[in-house]
Amino acid sequence: MYKNNLENIFEKFKHEISLIKANMLFNELLRDDLFDKLGLEKISKIERRKNTYRSTIISMSSLFESTIDNFIEEYLIGLNNIYKKFTDIPEKVIKNHTKLSIEYLNKISSRKSVDRDRAKEENIIHNLYSCSINKEYKLNIEALMDRSANYRIGNLKSIFIDLGLEDFSVKIKKNKNIIEKISDYYKVEYSNFSDKFKDKKLESIFFELDRLSILRNGIAHNIFLRDILGKNRLNDIIFTLELLVEGTYTVLNQDLSEKMLNYKVKIKELCLIEKKCVERVLINKKTIEFSNLREGKFKKNDYMFVKKEDVIYKKKIVKIDEYDKILNKFTEHIEYQIIKESDVNIVVDNLENISDGCKFYITY
């Protein structure tokens, strides 16, 4: 079963951002006498602040763009893995794939002979053909990702619209974890958030991306913006971009999970009366007790999917026990199909994130 690599990309981003913060802190704490001890020419505090500003802006901008590129590439790889037929892929991607593939092919084939990559050209054509016959296809991911401008919120939203994620920014603004982090950062209780304050801070997530692009271009053209020198101002930019990356990760990860659940895995809702299931979860035994389970076919090592709000979690089945009314005890099954209403205990690898209001799905 396909498992995307989005989480690893997100974890790498968090590691890299920690290094940027550590570099800022090191430059701030650097003492003047250290230059003498190391035999280096002394650099004034103002010059150090300028260098910290420049390096932070450049590093942050490059890290953000590479992370978003990696997210989009992994998302497209995910679509390619989930959908067995090209015609089943979201309509927006189908529509843009041929158009952008041809544009990208024309772009790279117009280069001088010495710079042309004919193998890449042939690969693009081969992939287009595989999509046209709708069998064992492969997307031209480079063509779908090709861009000439820095990421600003306008073209970032446009890219996600082309992927069929029109509500990308709306979902980020509704992310409860992001709202709570904003509350902690600005030391305002969530319950005291006015709608105006909340909307302003959530919108700043996107505003700061454009701000970062302007600052980066200013550095490239040797334009120094004095209002950004403050440490707190740099921290604000880093914080909001962290939120934007986290929000993007969550949107893409949830979308791939839902697509996998709705397309690749045939599902059957296990219990229509959710409260009975949830009330009988035995967390200490990693067991979910289902009363009067009506239908289902599953075996050990299959996956159960647990949907909580808009997030889907995957749990591996490690044991299946059915209650035998004649023997008055539970009997273990390696493979099991419900023929009549049964009481079944399903042991999963962990019960993390399972709580009231969950829905349970399983392969059949």
Protein backbone atom coordinates (compact mmCIF):
# COMPACT_ATOMS: atom_id res chain seq x y z
CA MET A 1 0.00 0.00 0.00
CA TYR A 2 1.32 3.44 -0.97
CA LYS A 3 2.66 5.66 1.81
CA ASN A 4 3.60 9.22 0.95
CA ASN A 5 6.83 10.92 2.00
CA LEU A 6 5.28 14.25 3.03
CA GLU A 7 5.99 13.75 6.73
CA ASN A 8 9.72 13.23 6.11
CA ILE A 9 9.82 16.43 4.05
CA PHE A 10 8.06 18.29 6.86
CA GLU A 11 10.45 16.92 9.48
CA LYS A 12 13.44 17.96 7.38
CA PHE A 13 12.00 21.48 7.12
CA LYS A 14 11.64 21.68 10.92
CA HIS A 15 15.26 20.58 11.34
CA GLU A 16 16.52 23.16 8.85
CA ILE A 17 14.49 25.94 10.45
CA SER A 18 16.02 25.06 13.81
CA LEU A 19 19.47 25.57 12.29
CA ILE A 20 18.46 29.00 11.01
CA LYS A 21 17.22 29.98 14.47
CA ALA A 22 20.41 28.67 16.06
CA ASN A 23 22.50 30.75 13.67
CA MET A 24 20.51 33.87 14.57
CA LEU A 25 21.02 33.18 18.27
CA PHE A 26 24.74 32.54 17.83
CA ASN A 27 25.24 35.86 16.00
CA GLU A 28 23.27 37.68 18.69
CA LEU A 29 25.35 36.22 21.54
CA LEU A 30 28.71 36.65 19.81
CA ARG A 31 30.97 38.77 22.04
CA ASP A 32 33.37 41.39 20.70
CA ASP A 33 36.34 39.91 22.56
CA LEU A 34 35.92 36.63 20.70
CA PHE A 35 37.18 38.25 17.51
CA ASP A 36 40.43 39.22 19.27
CA LYS A 37 40.89 35.72 20.68
CA LEU A 38 40.40 34.19 17.23
CA GLY A 39 42.64 36.78 15.56
CA LEU A 40 39.79 38.01 13.36
CA GLU A 41 38.95 41.52 12.25
CA LYS A 42 36.29 42.92 14.55
CA ILE A 43 32.84 43.30 13.01
CA SER A 44 30.53 45.87 14.54
CA LYS A 45 27.17 44.84 16.02
CA ILE A 46 25.27 46.72 13.33
CA GLU A 47 27.20 44.89 10.60
CA ARG A 48 26.54 41.59 12.33
CA ARG A 49 22.85 42.42 12.47
CA LYS A 50 22.87 43.22 8.76
CA ASN A 51 24.61 39.95 7.94
CA THR A 52 22.19 38.03 10.16
CA TYR A 53 19.29 39.72 8.40
CA ARG A 54 20.62 38.93 4.92
CA SER A 55 21.53 35.32 5.66
CA THR A 56 18.24 34.65 7.47
CA ILE A 57 16.11 36.08 4.66
CA ILE A 58 18.02 34.20 1.95
CA SER A 59 18.08 30.94 3.92
CA MET A 60 14.42 31.18 4.88
CA SER A 61 13.31 31.95 1.33
CA SER A 62 15.36 29.13 -0.19
CA LEU A 63 14.20 26.65 2.45
CA PHE A 64 10.54 27.57 1.97
CA GLU A 65 10.67 27.26 -1.81
CA SER A 66 12.54 23.95 -1.77
CA THR A 67 10.09 22.56 0.82
CA ILE A 68 7.03 23.59 -1.19
CA ASP A 69 8.61 22.14 -4.35
CA ASN A 70 9.23 18.87 -2.52
CA PHE A 71 5.67 18.86 -1.17
CA ILE A 72 4.17 19.37 -4.63
CA GLU A 73 6.43 16.75 -6.20
CA GLU A 74 5.49 14.22 -3.51
CA TYR A 75 1.79 15.07 -3.90
CA LEU A 76 1.97 14.41 -7.65
CA ILE A 77 3.85 11.15 -7.03
CA GLY A 78 1.05 10.29 -4.61
CA LEU A 79 -1.63 10.89 -7.25
CA ASN A 80 0.32 8.73 -9.69
CA ASN A 81 0.48 5.91 -7.14
CA ILE A 82 -3.11 6.10 -5.91
CA TYR A 83 -4.90 6.29 -9.27
CA LYS A 84 -4.37 3.31 -11.54
CA LYS A 85 -5.78 5.09 -14.58
CA PHE A 86 -4.82 8.54 -15.82
CA THR A 87 -8.49 9.37 -16.47
CA ASP A 88 -9.28 8.85 -12.77
CA ILE A 89 -6.90 11.59 -11.64
CA PRO A 90 -8.53 14.91 -10.60
CA GLU A 91 -9.84 16.75 -13.64
CA LYS A 92 -7.72 19.87 -13.09
CA VAL A 93 -4.51 17.81 -13.19
CA ILE A 94 -5.62 15.99 -16.35
CA LYS A 95 -6.46 19.30 -18.02
CA ASN A 96 -3.13 20.91 -17.17
CA HIS A 97 -0.92 17.88 -17.72
CA THR A 98 -1.05 17.78 -21.53
CA LYS A 99 -0.88 21.57 -21.88
CA LEU A 100 2.05 22.01 -19.50
CA SER A 101 3.89 18.95 -20.84
CA ILE A 102 3.84 20.37 -24.37
CA GLU A 103 4.90 23.82 -23.13
CA TYR A 104 7.76 22.29 -21.13
CA LEU A 105 8.80 20.12 -24.10
CA ASN A 106 8.91 23.17 -26.36
CA LYS A 107 10.92 25.04 -23.74
CA ILE A 108 13.66 22.45 -23.32
CA SER A 109 13.79 21.50 -27.02
CA SER A 110 14.36 25.14 -28.02
CA ARG A 111 17.73 25.22 -26.26
CA LYS A 112 20.97 25.11 -28.16
CA SER A 113 22.05 21.64 -29.20
CA VAL A 114 24.86 21.50 -26.65
CA ASP A 115 22.38 22.16 -23.80
CA ARG A 116 19.53 19.92 -25.00
CA ASP A 117 18.61 16.86 -22.99
CA ARG A 118 17.16 14.59 -25.64
CA ALA A 119 16.63 11.74 -23.19
CA LYS A 120 14.41 14.03 -21.13
CA GLU A 121 12.49 15.07 -24.24
CA GLU A 122 11.88 11.44 -25.17
CA ASN A 123 10.79 10.68 -21.62
CA ILE A 124 8.21 13.48 -21.68
CA ILE A 125 6.80 12.18 -24.97
CA HIS A 126 6.75 8.61 -23.64
CA ASN A 127 4.88 9.73 -20.51
CA LEU A 128 2.34 11.66 -22.59
CA TYR A 129 1.74 8.52 -24.64
CA SER A 130 1.32 6.38 -21.50
CA CYS A 131 -1.34 8.83 -20.28
CA SER A 132 -3.13 8.76 -23.63
CA ILE A 133 -3.52 4.96 -23.57
CA ASN A 134 -4.60 5.17 -19.90
CA LYS A 135 -2.49 2.22 -18.79
CA GLU A 136 0.59 2.11 -16.55
CA TYR A 137 0.90 5.84 -17.05
CA LYS A 138 3.47 8.21 -15.58
CA LEU A 139 2.96 11.93 -15.01
CA ASN A 140 5.40 14.53 -16.29
CA ILE A 141 6.00 15.92 -12.83
CA GLU A 142 8.75 18.34 -13.92
CA ALA A 143 6.38 19.92 -16.41
CA LEU A 144 3.63 20.33 -13.82
CA MET A 145 6.10 21.99 -11.44
CA ASP A 146 7.93 24.23 -13.89
CA ARG A 147 7.85 27.88 -12.81
CA SER A 148 9.94 30.99 -13.35
CA ALA A 149 8.92 33.26 -10.45
CA ASN A 150 9.59 33.14 -6.71
CA TYR A 151 6.74 31.83 -4.62
CA ARG A 152 4.30 34.56 -3.67
CA ILE A 153 0.88 33.82 -2.29
CA GLY A 154 -0.79 34.59 -5.63
CA ASN A 155 1.16 32.08 -7.69
CA LEU A 156 1.22 29.60 -4.80
CA LYS A 157 -2.59 29.59 -4.69
CA SER A 158 -2.64 29.33 -8.49
CA ILE A 159 -0.43 26.21 -8.38
CA PHE A 160 -2.72 24.53 -5.86
CA ILE A 161 -5.80 25.47 -7.90
CA ASP A 162 -4.16 23.71 -10.86
CA LEU A 163 -3.82 20.64 -8.63
CA GLY A 164 -7.54 20.75 -7.86
CA LEU A 165 -7.06 22.21 -4.35
CA GLU A 166 -9.08 25.40 -4.71
CA ASP A 167 -9.77 25.59 -0.97
CA PHE A 168 -6.09 25.35 -0.04
CA SER A 169 -5.87 28.69 1.81
CA VAL A 170 -9.29 28.30 3.43
CA LYS A 171 -8.29 24.95 4.96
CA ILE A 172 -5.09 26.45 6.37
CA LYS A 173 -7.06 29.25 8.04
CA LYS A 174 -9.42 26.69 9.60
CA ASN A 175 -6.58 24.53 10.96
CA LYS A 176 -7.16 24.43 14.74
CA ASN A 177 -3.53 23.67 15.50
CA ILE A 178 -2.39 26.75 13.60
CA ILE A 179 -4.95 28.97 15.35
CA GLU A 180 -3.77 27.67 18.74
CA LYS A 181 -0.13 28.35 17.85
CA ILE A 182 -1.03 31.93 16.88
CA SER A 183 -2.82 32.26 20.22
CA ASP A 184 0.29 31.06 22.10
CA TYR A 185 2.69 33.19 20.06
CA TYR A 186 0.79 36.44 20.60
CA LYS A 187 -0.14 35.45 24.18
CA VAL A 188 -3.86 35.87 23.56
CA GLU A 189 -6.28 33.27 24.90
CA TYR A 190 -8.06 31.51 22.04
CA SER A 191 -11.41 32.18 23.70
CA ASN A 192 -10.60 35.92 23.68
CA PHE A 193 -9.81 36.02 19.97
CA SER A 194 -12.02 38.57 18.26
CA ASP A 195 -12.98 37.64 14.70
CA LYS A 196 -11.14 40.72 13.47
CA PHE A 197 -7.92 39.82 15.33
CA LYS A 198 -8.10 36.18 14.22
CA ASP A 199 -8.70 37.07 10.57
CA LYS A 200 -5.85 39.59 10.63
CA LYS A 201 -3.33 37.13 12.11
CA LEU A 202 -4.42 34.29 9.83
CA GLU A 203 -4.15 36.52 6.78
CA SER A 204 -0.65 37.53 7.91
CA ILE A 205 0.46 33.95 7.20
CA PHE A 206 0.03 34.71 3.51
CA PHE A 207 1.10 38.35 3.66
CA GLU A 208 4.50 37.43 5.09
CA LEU A 209 5.24 35.19 2.11
CA ASP A 210 4.95 38.18 -0.22
CA ARG A 211 6.95 40.23 2.27
CA LEU A 212 9.72 37.63 2.24
CA SER A 213 9.87 37.67 -1.55
CA ILE A 214 10.21 41.48 -1.56
CA LEU A 215 12.99 41.35 1.03
CA ARG A 216 14.86 38.65 -0.85
CA ASN A 217 14.70 40.67 -4.07
CA GLY A 218 15.88 43.72 -2.13
CA ILE A 219 18.97 41.84 -0.96
CA ALA A 220 19.63 40.60 -4.49
CA HIS A 221 19.62 44.23 -5.70
CA ASN A 222 21.58 45.48 -2.66
CA ILE A 223 18.63 47.41 -1.26
CA PHE A 224 18.77 47.47 2.52
CA LEU A 225 15.45 47.77 4.35
CA ARG A 226 16.07 49.16 7.84
CA ASP A 227 12.67 48.30 9.27
CA ILE A 228 13.45 44.59 9.21
CA LEU A 229 16.62 44.73 11.31
CA GLY A 230 14.84 43.93 14.54
CA LYS A 231 15.23 40.38 15.86
CA ASN A 232 11.53 40.21 16.73
CA ARG A 233 10.53 41.14 13.20
CA LEU A 234 12.65 38.32 11.75
CA ASN A 235 11.12 35.94 14.29
CA ASP A 236 7.63 36.99 13.18
CA ILE A 237 8.45 36.15 9.56
CA ILE A 238 9.93 32.78 10.51
CA PHE A 239 6.93 31.96 12.71
CA THR A 240 4.33 32.74 10.05
CA LEU A 241 6.21 30.79 7.38
CA GLU A 242 6.44 27.82 9.74
CA LEU A 243 2.66 27.96 10.00
CA LEU A 244 2.28 28.14 6.23
CA VAL A 245 4.50 25.09 5.73
CA GLU A 246 2.67 23.16 8.46
CA GLY A 247 -0.68 24.13 6.95
CA THR A 248 0.43 23.07 3.47
CA TYR A 249 1.69 19.74 4.80
CA THR A 250 -1.62 19.10 6.59
CA VAL A 251 -3.76 19.99 3.55
CA LEU A 252 -1.76 17.78 1.16
CA ASN A 253 -1.46 14.87 3.58
CA GLN A 254 -5.17 14.85 4.38
CA ASP A 255 -6.09 15.17 0.71
CA LEU A 256 -3.92 12.18 -0.30
CA SER A 257 -5.29 10.14 2.62
CA GLU A 258 -8.87 10.84 1.59
CA LYS A 259 -8.16 10.09 -2.06
CA MET A 260 -6.54 6.79 -1.12
CA LEU A 261 -9.47 5.90 1.10
CA ASN A 262 -12.10 6.83 -1.46
CA TYR A 263 -10.40 5.34 -4.51
CA LYS A 264 -7.72 2.72 -3.93
CA VAL A 265 -9.27 0.97 -0.95
CA LYS A 266 -12.83 -0.31 -1.17
CA ILE A 267 -14.34 0.47 2.17
CA LYS A 268 -17.21 -0.69 4.27
CA GLU A 269 -18.36 1.22 7.30
CA LEU A 270 -18.15 -1.25 10.14
CA CYS A 271 -20.77 0.05 12.50
CA LEU A 272 -23.70 2.37 11.94
CA ILE A 273 -24.17 2.98 15.64
CA GLU A 274 -20.91 4.76 16.37
CA LYS A 275 -21.46 5.33 20.08
CA LYS A 276 -21.60 1.61 20.84
CA CYS A 277 -18.19 1.15 19.23
CA VAL A 278 -16.56 4.08 20.90
CA GLU A 279 -17.92 3.32 24.34
CA ARG A 280 -16.34 -0.11 24.25
CA VAL A 281 -12.81 0.80 23.17
CA LEU A 282 -10.34 -0.78 25.57
CA ILE A 283 -7.30 1.45 25.16
CA ASN A 284 -5.05 -0.57 27.44
CA LYS A 285 -5.49 -3.66 25.25
CA LYS A 286 -5.42 -1.84 21.90
CA THR A 287 -8.81 -3.39 21.27
CA ILE A 288 -11.94 -2.04 19.57
CA GLU A 289 -15.06 -3.99 20.48
CA PHE A 290 -17.82 -3.97 17.87
CA SER A 291 -21.29 -5.07 18.97
CA ASN A 292 -23.63 -6.63 16.40
CA LEU A 293 -21.27 -6.02 13.51
CA ARG A 294 -23.41 -6.42 10.41
CA GLU A 295 -20.97 -6.99 7.56
CA GLY A 296 -17.31 -7.03 6.71
CA LYS A 297 -14.50 -9.19 5.36
CA PHE A 298 -10.99 -8.78 6.66
CA LYS A 299 -7.92 -10.62 7.83
CA LYS A 300 -4.91 -10.19 10.06
CA ASN A 301 -2.43 -7.54 8.78
CA ASP A 302 -5.18 -5.71 6.86
CA TYR A 303 -5.57 -2.02 7.63
CA MET A 304 -8.42 -0.35 9.43
CA PHE A 305 -9.02 3.31 8.65
CA VAL A 306 -10.26 5.58 11.41
CA LYS A 307 -11.75 8.91 10.37
CA LYS A 308 -11.78 11.62 13.02
CA GLU A 309 -13.17 14.96 11.85
CA ASP A 310 -11.38 15.49 8.49
CA VAL A 311 -8.30 13.41 9.28
CA ILE A 312 -7.86 9.73 8.42
CA TYR A 313 -5.58 7.48 10.47
CA LYS A 314 -4.36 4.04 9.37
CA LYS A 315 -4.25 1.20 11.92
CA LYS A 316 -2.85 -2.26 11.29
CA ILE A 317 -5.01 -5.20 12.42
CA VAL A 318 -2.92 -7.55 14.54
CA LYS A 319 -5.66 -9.82 15.92
CA ILE A 320 -9.34 -10.68 15.25
CA ASP A 321 -11.54 -12.34 17.87
CA GLU A 322 -15.20 -13.32 17.36
CA TYR A 323 -17.49 -14.14 20.22
CA ASP A 324 -18.73 -17.74 19.95
CA LYS A 325 -22.16 -17.89 21.60
CA ILE A 326 -22.10 -21.70 21.83
CA LEU A 327 -18.70 -21.90 23.49
CA ASN A 328 -19.35 -18.66 25.35
CA LYS A 329 -15.90 -17.28 24.55
CA PHE A 330 -13.94 -15.35 21.94
CA THR A 331 -12.20 -17.33 19.18
CA GLU A 332 -9.26 -15.96 17.20
CA HIS A 333 -9.46 -15.77 13.39
CA ILE A 334 -6.68 -15.19 10.85
CA GLU A 335 -9.23 -14.34 8.14
CA TYR A 336 -12.81 -13.47 8.89
CA GLN A 337 -16.04 -12.76 7.04
CA ILE A 338 -19.20 -11.78 8.86
CA ILE A 339 -22.17 -13.86 7.76
CA LYS A 340 -24.55 -12.78 10.51
CA GLU A 341 -24.51 -10.12 13.20
CA SER A 342 -21.53 -10.78 15.42
CA ASP A 343 -19.63 -9.37 18.35
CA VAL A 344 -16.06 -8.91 17.14
CA ASN A 345 -12.95 -7.63 18.90
CA ILE A 346 -10.35 -6.14 16.55
CA VAL A 347 -6.91 -5.51 18.00
CA VAL A 348 -4.93 -2.79 16.18
CA ASP A 349 -1.29 -1.75 16.48
CA ASN A 350 -2.23 1.42 18.39
CA LEU A 351 -5.31 3.38 19.44
CA GLU A 352 -3.79 6.84 19.14
CA ASN A 353 -6.32 9.47 17.90
CA ILE A 354 -9.30 7.12 18.40
CA SER A 355 -12.03 8.81 20.42
CA ASP A 356 -15.68 9.83 20.35
CA GLY A 357 -17.07 10.65 16.93
CA CYS A 358 -14.73 8.39 14.93
CA LYS A 359 -15.88 6.34 11.94
CA PHE A 360 -14.28 2.99 11.19
CA TYR A 361 -13.54 1.60 7.73
CA ILE A 362 -11.88 -1.56 6.55
CA THR A 363 -10.87 -3.26 3.28
CA TYR A 364 -13.07 -5.98 1.87
